[in-house]
Amino acid sequence: MKKLNFIMILFVMLFLTSCEIPTSVKFDNYVDRVEENCDSWTEEEWQISREKYYELLEEYEANYENMTQEERDVINKAIGRYNGILVRKGLEKVDESINGFIDRLPSLFEGFMSAFEEEMENYETYEN
């Protein structure tokens, strides 16, 4: 009976360890989820995303030697996609900032010029 229990426990442990999701699948699935959901993320959500990303990078580095080249390629592609998303989102923020600045430009220019109005009036009075 003890041998049967031992064999069952061994079998369950073997089954559980063989069911672990490969790092390449975890990485690829994670970047898929980021890509699908990131459009409305806050800065806090991006911070959480970067933390999870760094955890996956650490797992990749820890398991690098035990991976096939195909698994490495999947992860490297996911890394490229994630960084591409970060760049795209960064460019969108820059674009929003520039558009906001352009929208404020007439008021900024008017305010800037008003600082010189008194000087211009004095100059015009002096010339006449």
N, C-alpha and C. Protein backbone atom coordinates (compact mmCIF):
# COMPACT_ATOMS: atom_id res chain seq x y z
N MET A 1 0.81 -1.18 0.00
CA MET A 1 0.00 0.00 0.00
C MET A 1 0.87 1.27 0.00
N LYS A 2 1.98 1.24 0.77
CA LYS A 2 2.88 2.38 0.82
C LYS A 2 3.53 2.62 -0.54
N LYS A 3 3.87 1.52 -1.22
CA LYS A 3 4.47 1.66 -2.55
C LYS A 3 3.48 2.28 -3.52
N LEU A 4 2.23 1.89 -3.42
CA LEU A 4 1.19 2.44 -4.30
C LEU A 4 1.03 3.94 -4.04
N ASN A 5 1.00 4.34 -2.78
CA ASN A 5 0.90 5.76 -2.44
C ASN A 5 2.12 6.53 -2.95
N PHE A 6 3.28 5.95 -2.78
CA PHE A 6 4.51 6.57 -3.26
C PHE A 6 4.47 6.75 -4.77
N ILE A 7 4.04 5.73 -5.47
CA ILE A 7 3.95 5.78 -6.93
C ILE A 7 2.92 6.83 -7.36
N MET A 8 1.82 6.90 -6.65
CA MET A 8 0.79 7.89 -6.98
C MET A 8 1.32 9.31 -6.77
N ILE A 9 2.00 9.53 -5.66
CA ILE A 9 2.56 10.85 -5.38
C ILE A 9 3.61 11.21 -6.43
N LEU A 10 4.44 10.27 -6.76
CA LEU A 10 5.45 10.48 -7.79
C LEU A 10 4.80 10.81 -9.13
N PHE A 11 3.78 10.08 -9.47
CA PHE A 11 3.06 10.32 -10.72
C PHE A 11 2.45 11.72 -10.74
N VAL A 12 1.81 12.12 -9.64
CA VAL A 12 1.20 13.45 -9.56
C VAL A 12 2.26 14.54 -9.68
N MET A 13 3.39 14.36 -9.01
CA MET A 13 4.46 15.35 -9.09
C MET A 13 5.01 15.44 -10.50
N LEU A 14 5.20 14.31 -11.13
CA LEU A 14 5.67 14.29 -12.51
C LEU A 14 4.68 14.98 -13.43
N PHE A 15 3.42 14.71 -13.23
CA PHE A 15 2.37 15.32 -14.04
C PHE A 15 2.36 16.83 -13.87
N LEU A 16 2.45 17.28 -12.63
CA LEU A 16 2.42 18.72 -12.36
C LEU A 16 3.63 19.43 -12.95
N THR A 17 4.79 18.83 -12.85
CA THR A 17 5.99 19.48 -13.41
C THR A 17 5.97 19.47 -14.93
N SER A 18 5.35 18.48 -15.52
CA SER A 18 5.30 18.44 -16.98
C SER A 18 4.24 19.39 -17.52
N CYS A 19 3.33 19.84 -16.68
CA CYS A 19 2.27 20.75 -17.11
C CYS A 19 2.66 22.21 -16.99
N GLU A 20 3.86 22.49 -16.53
CA GLU A 20 4.29 23.87 -16.41
C GLU A 20 4.34 24.51 -17.79
N ILE A 21 3.82 25.70 -17.87
CA ILE A 21 3.77 26.40 -19.15
C ILE A 21 5.17 26.89 -19.50
N PRO A 22 5.63 26.61 -20.71
CA PRO A 22 6.97 27.07 -21.11
C PRO A 22 7.07 28.60 -21.07
N THR A 23 8.25 29.08 -20.77
CA THR A 23 8.48 30.51 -20.70
C THR A 23 8.13 31.20 -22.02
N SER A 24 8.43 30.55 -23.12
CA SER A 24 8.14 31.16 -24.42
C SER A 24 6.64 31.39 -24.60
N VAL A 25 5.83 30.46 -24.15
CA VAL A 25 4.37 30.60 -24.26
C VAL A 25 3.89 31.69 -23.32
N LYS A 26 4.42 31.71 -22.09
CA LYS A 26 4.03 32.74 -21.12
C LYS A 26 4.36 34.13 -21.66
N PHE A 27 5.55 34.27 -22.20
CA PHE A 27 6.01 35.56 -22.71
C PHE A 27 5.14 36.03 -23.86
N ASP A 28 4.93 35.14 -24.82
CA ASP A 28 4.14 35.48 -26.00
C ASP A 28 2.70 35.83 -25.62
N ASN A 29 2.10 35.03 -24.73
CA ASN A 29 0.73 35.31 -24.29
C ASN A 29 0.64 36.63 -23.54
N TYR A 30 1.66 36.91 -22.74
CA TYR A 30 1.66 38.16 -21.99
C TYR A 30 1.69 39.36 -22.93
N VAL A 31 2.56 39.33 -23.91
CA VAL A 31 2.66 40.45 -24.84
C VAL A 31 1.37 40.57 -25.66
N ASP A 32 0.74 39.45 -26.00
CA ASP A 32 -0.56 39.50 -26.68
C ASP A 32 -1.58 40.26 -25.83
N ARG A 33 -1.63 39.94 -24.53
CA ARG A 33 -2.58 40.61 -23.62
C ARG A 33 -2.27 42.10 -23.50
N VAL A 34 -0.99 42.43 -23.43
CA VAL A 34 -0.59 43.84 -23.36
C VAL A 34 -1.07 44.57 -24.61
N GLU A 35 -0.80 43.98 -25.75
CA GLU A 35 -1.16 44.58 -27.02
C GLU A 35 -2.67 44.82 -27.13
N GLU A 36 -3.44 43.88 -26.64
CA GLU A 36 -4.90 43.97 -26.73
C GLU A 36 -5.48 44.99 -25.76
N ASN A 37 -4.84 45.22 -24.63
CA ASN A 37 -5.47 46.00 -23.56
C ASN A 37 -4.81 47.33 -23.24
N CYS A 38 -3.67 47.64 -23.79
CA CYS A 38 -2.87 48.77 -23.31
C CYS A 38 -3.38 50.15 -23.73
N ASP A 39 -4.29 50.22 -24.65
CA ASP A 39 -4.70 51.53 -25.17
C ASP A 39 -5.27 52.46 -24.09
N SER A 40 -5.88 51.91 -23.08
CA SER A 40 -6.50 52.77 -22.06
C SER A 40 -5.79 52.69 -20.71
N TRP A 41 -4.57 52.17 -20.67
CA TRP A 41 -3.86 52.00 -19.42
C TRP A 41 -3.41 53.32 -18.82
N THR A 42 -3.42 53.35 -17.49
CA THR A 42 -2.87 54.49 -16.76
C THR A 42 -1.37 54.25 -16.57
N GLU A 43 -0.69 55.26 -16.04
CA GLU A 43 0.74 55.10 -15.78
C GLU A 43 0.99 53.99 -14.76
N GLU A 44 0.10 53.86 -13.79
CA GLU A 44 0.23 52.80 -12.79
C GLU A 44 0.11 51.41 -13.43
N GLU A 45 -0.81 51.27 -14.37
CA GLU A 45 -0.96 49.99 -15.05
C GLU A 45 0.27 49.67 -15.91
N TRP A 46 0.86 50.71 -16.50
CA TRP A 46 2.09 50.50 -17.26
C TRP A 46 3.22 50.06 -16.34
N GLN A 47 3.27 50.62 -15.15
CA GLN A 47 4.32 50.24 -14.19
C GLN A 47 4.16 48.77 -13.81
N ILE A 48 2.94 48.33 -13.56
CA ILE A 48 2.68 46.93 -13.24
C ILE A 48 3.08 46.04 -14.42
N SER A 49 2.78 46.51 -15.61
CA SER A 49 3.13 45.75 -16.82
C SER A 49 4.64 45.60 -16.94
N ARG A 50 5.37 46.68 -16.70
CA ARG A 50 6.84 46.61 -16.80
C ARG A 50 7.42 45.67 -15.75
N GLU A 51 6.83 45.66 -14.56
CA GLU A 51 7.31 44.75 -13.52
C GLU A 51 7.11 43.29 -13.95
N LYS A 52 5.96 42.98 -14.50
CA LYS A 52 5.69 41.62 -14.98
C LYS A 52 6.64 41.28 -16.13
N TYR A 53 6.87 42.23 -17.00
CA TYR A 53 7.79 42.04 -18.13
C TYR A 53 9.19 41.70 -17.62
N TYR A 54 9.67 42.43 -16.61
CA TYR A 54 11.00 42.17 -16.06
C TYR A 54 11.07 40.81 -15.37
N GLU A 55 9.98 40.39 -14.75
CA GLU A 55 9.92 39.04 -14.16
C GLU A 55 10.08 37.99 -15.25
N LEU A 56 9.38 38.18 -16.36
CA LEU A 56 9.50 37.23 -17.47
C LEU A 56 10.90 37.25 -18.07
N LEU A 57 11.51 38.42 -18.14
CA LEU A 57 12.89 38.50 -18.64
C LEU A 57 13.84 37.73 -17.74
N GLU A 58 13.65 37.84 -16.43
CA GLU A 58 14.49 37.09 -15.49
C GLU A 58 14.30 35.59 -15.66
N GLU A 59 13.06 35.18 -15.87
CA GLU A 59 12.79 33.75 -16.09
C GLU A 59 13.45 33.29 -17.39
N TYR A 60 13.41 34.12 -18.40
CA TYR A 60 14.05 33.82 -19.69
C TYR A 60 15.55 33.63 -19.48
N GLU A 61 16.17 34.57 -18.78
CA GLU A 61 17.61 34.48 -18.56
C GLU A 61 17.97 33.25 -17.73
N ALA A 62 17.14 32.92 -16.75
CA ALA A 62 17.41 31.77 -15.89
C ALA A 62 17.29 30.45 -16.65
N ASN A 63 16.41 30.40 -17.62
CA ASN A 63 16.15 29.15 -18.36
C ASN A 63 16.75 29.13 -19.76
N TYR A 64 17.52 30.15 -20.09
CA TYR A 64 18.05 30.31 -21.45
C TYR A 64 18.76 29.06 -21.96
N GLU A 65 19.63 28.51 -21.15
CA GLU A 65 20.43 27.35 -21.57
C GLU A 65 19.59 26.11 -21.83
N ASN A 66 18.41 26.02 -21.21
CA ASN A 66 17.56 24.84 -21.36
C ASN A 66 16.52 24.98 -22.46
N MET A 67 16.57 26.07 -23.20
CA MET A 67 15.57 26.32 -24.24
C MET A 67 16.10 25.95 -25.61
N THR A 68 15.16 25.61 -26.47
CA THR A 68 15.51 25.38 -27.87
C THR A 68 15.65 26.73 -28.55
N GLN A 69 16.27 26.74 -29.71
CA GLN A 69 16.40 27.98 -30.46
C GLN A 69 15.02 28.51 -30.86
N GLU A 70 14.11 27.62 -31.14
CA GLU A 70 12.75 28.03 -31.50
C GLU A 70 12.07 28.77 -30.34
N GLU A 71 12.24 28.27 -29.11
CA GLU A 71 11.67 28.94 -27.94
C GLU A 71 12.31 30.31 -27.74
N ARG A 72 13.60 30.39 -27.94
CA ARG A 72 14.31 31.67 -27.81
C ARG A 72 13.80 32.67 -28.84
N ASP A 73 13.59 32.19 -30.06
CA ASP A 73 13.09 33.06 -31.13
C ASP A 73 11.70 33.61 -30.80
N VAL A 74 10.84 32.77 -30.24
CA VAL A 74 9.50 33.21 -29.86
C VAL A 74 9.60 34.31 -28.80
N ILE A 75 10.47 34.10 -27.81
CA ILE A 75 10.63 35.10 -26.74
C ILE A 75 11.25 36.37 -27.28
N ASN A 76 12.27 36.25 -28.12
CA ASN A 76 12.91 37.45 -28.68
C ASN A 76 11.93 38.26 -29.52
N LYS A 77 11.07 37.57 -30.24
CA LYS A 77 10.04 38.27 -31.02
C LYS A 77 9.07 38.98 -30.08
N ALA A 78 8.68 38.33 -28.99
CA ALA A 78 7.78 38.94 -28.01
C ALA A 78 8.44 40.15 -27.36
N ILE A 79 9.73 40.05 -27.06
CA ILE A 79 10.47 41.18 -26.49
C ILE A 79 10.44 42.36 -27.47
N GLY A 80 10.68 42.07 -28.73
CA GLY A 80 10.63 43.12 -29.75
C GLY A 80 9.25 43.76 -29.85
N ARG A 81 8.21 42.94 -29.80
CA ARG A 81 6.85 43.47 -29.86
C ARG A 81 6.55 44.36 -28.65
N TYR A 82 6.96 43.91 -27.47
CA TYR A 82 6.70 44.68 -26.25
C TYR A 82 7.40 46.04 -26.33
N ASN A 83 8.66 46.02 -26.72
CA ASN A 83 9.39 47.28 -26.84
C ASN A 83 8.81 48.17 -27.93
N GLY A 84 8.32 47.56 -28.99
CA GLY A 84 7.64 48.33 -30.03
C GLY A 84 6.38 49.01 -29.51
N ILE A 85 5.64 48.30 -28.67
CA ILE A 85 4.44 48.88 -28.05
C ILE A 85 4.83 50.07 -27.18
N LEU A 86 5.90 49.91 -26.39
CA LEU A 86 6.35 51.01 -25.53
C LEU A 86 6.74 52.23 -26.36
N VAL A 87 7.45 52.01 -27.46
CA VAL A 87 7.86 53.12 -28.32
C VAL A 87 6.63 53.79 -28.94
N ARG A 88 5.71 52.96 -29.45
CA ARG A 88 4.50 53.50 -30.08
C ARG A 88 3.72 54.35 -29.08
N LYS A 89 3.55 53.84 -27.87
CA LYS A 89 2.81 54.58 -26.84
C LYS A 89 3.55 55.86 -26.46
N GLY A 90 4.88 55.79 -26.41
CA GLY A 90 5.67 56.97 -26.11
C GLY A 90 5.52 58.03 -27.19
N LEU A 91 5.52 57.60 -28.45
CA LEU A 91 5.34 58.54 -29.56
C LEU A 91 3.95 59.15 -29.54
N GLU A 92 2.95 58.37 -29.16
CA GLU A 92 1.59 58.90 -29.07
C GLU A 92 1.52 59.98 -28.00
N LYS A 93 2.22 59.77 -26.87
CA LYS A 93 2.23 60.77 -25.81
C LYS A 93 2.94 62.05 -26.28
N VAL A 94 4.05 61.87 -27.01
CA VAL A 94 4.77 63.03 -27.53
C VAL A 94 3.87 63.80 -28.49
N ASP A 95 3.17 63.07 -29.36
CA ASP A 95 2.26 63.70 -30.32
C ASP A 95 1.16 64.47 -29.59
N GLU A 96 0.60 63.89 -28.53
CA GLU A 96 -0.43 64.58 -27.74
C GLU A 96 0.14 65.84 -27.11
N SER A 97 1.36 65.76 -26.60
CA SER A 97 1.99 66.93 -25.97
C SER A 97 2.24 68.03 -26.99
N ILE A 98 2.71 67.66 -28.17
CA ILE A 98 2.97 68.65 -29.22
C ILE A 98 1.66 69.30 -29.65
N ASN A 99 0.62 68.48 -29.84
CA ASN A 99 -0.67 69.05 -30.23
C ASN A 99 -1.21 69.98 -29.15
N GLY A 100 -1.04 69.61 -27.89
CA GLY A 100 -1.46 70.48 -26.80
C GLY A 100 -0.69 71.79 -26.80
N PHE A 101 0.61 71.71 -27.08
CA PHE A 101 1.42 72.92 -27.15
C PHE A 101 0.99 73.80 -28.31
N ILE A 102 0.73 73.19 -29.46
CA ILE A 102 0.30 73.95 -30.64
C ILE A 102 -1.05 74.62 -30.37
N ASP A 103 -1.93 73.92 -29.67
CA ASP A 103 -3.23 74.51 -29.34
C ASP A 103 -3.08 75.72 -28.42
N ARG A 104 -2.07 75.71 -27.56
CA ARG A 104 -1.84 76.81 -26.62
C ARG A 104 -0.97 77.91 -27.22
N LEU A 105 -0.36 77.67 -28.36
CA LEU A 105 0.61 78.59 -28.93
C LEU A 105 0.05 80.00 -29.15
N PRO A 106 -1.14 80.18 -29.71
CA PRO A 106 -1.63 81.56 -29.89
C PRO A 106 -1.72 82.32 -28.56
N SER A 107 -2.23 81.67 -27.53
CA SER A 107 -2.34 82.33 -26.23
C SER A 107 -0.97 82.63 -25.65
N LEU A 108 -0.04 81.69 -25.82
CA LEU A 108 1.33 81.90 -25.33
C LEU A 108 1.97 83.09 -26.02
N PHE A 109 1.80 83.17 -27.35
CA PHE A 109 2.38 84.26 -28.12
C PHE A 109 1.75 85.59 -27.73
N GLU A 110 0.43 85.59 -27.56
CA GLU A 110 -0.27 86.81 -27.14
C GLU A 110 0.23 87.27 -25.77
N GLY A 111 0.37 86.35 -24.86
CA GLY A 111 0.88 86.69 -23.53
C GLY A 111 2.31 87.21 -23.60
N PHE A 112 3.14 86.59 -24.43
CA PHE A 112 4.52 87.01 -24.59
C PHE A 112 4.58 88.44 -25.13
N MET A 113 3.79 88.72 -26.15
CA MET A 113 3.80 90.05 -26.77
C MET A 113 3.24 91.12 -25.83
N SER A 114 2.28 90.73 -24.97
CA SER A 114 1.71 91.72 -24.06
C SER A 114 2.76 92.25 -23.08
N ALA A 115 3.79 91.49 -22.84
CA ALA A 115 4.87 91.95 -21.96
C ALA A 115 5.62 93.13 -22.58
N PHE A 116 5.53 93.30 -23.88
CA PHE A 116 6.25 94.37 -24.58
C PHE A 116 5.33 95.51 -25.01
N GLU A 117 4.03 95.43 -24.76
CA GLU A 117 3.09 96.46 -25.23
C GLU A 117 3.41 97.83 -24.66
N GLU A 118 3.69 97.89 -23.38
CA GLU A 118 3.99 99.18 -22.75
C GLU A 118 5.25 99.78 -23.37
N GLU A 119 6.25 98.94 -23.61
CA GLU A 119 7.49 99.41 -24.23
C GLU A 119 7.22 99.93 -25.64
N MET A 120 6.36 99.23 -26.39
CA MET A 120 6.05 99.64 -27.76
C MET A 120 5.27 100.96 -27.75
N GLU A 121 4.35 101.12 -26.80
CA GLU A 121 3.59 102.38 -26.71
C GLU A 121 4.52 103.53 -26.39
N ASN A 122 5.45 103.31 -25.48
CA ASN A 122 6.42 104.37 -25.14
C ASN A 122 7.29 104.71 -26.33
N TYR A 123 7.67 103.71 -27.10
CA TYR A 123 8.51 103.93 -28.27
C TYR A 123 7.75 104.73 -29.33
N GLU A 124 6.47 104.38 -29.54
CA GLU A 124 5.65 105.09 -30.54
C GLU A 124 5.43 106.53 -30.11
N THR A 125 5.23 106.79 -28.82
CA THR A 125 5.04 108.13 -28.31
C THR A 125 6.32 108.95 -28.47
N TYR A 126 7.42 108.35 -28.23
CA TYR A 126 8.72 109.01 -28.34
C TYR A 126 9.01 109.41 -29.77
N GLU A 127 8.62 108.57 -30.75
CA GLU A 127 8.87 108.84 -32.15
C GLU A 127 8.03 110.01 -32.63
N ASN A 128 6.83 110.16 -32.11
CA ASN A 128 5.94 111.22 -32.58
C ASN A 128 6.25 112.48 -31.91
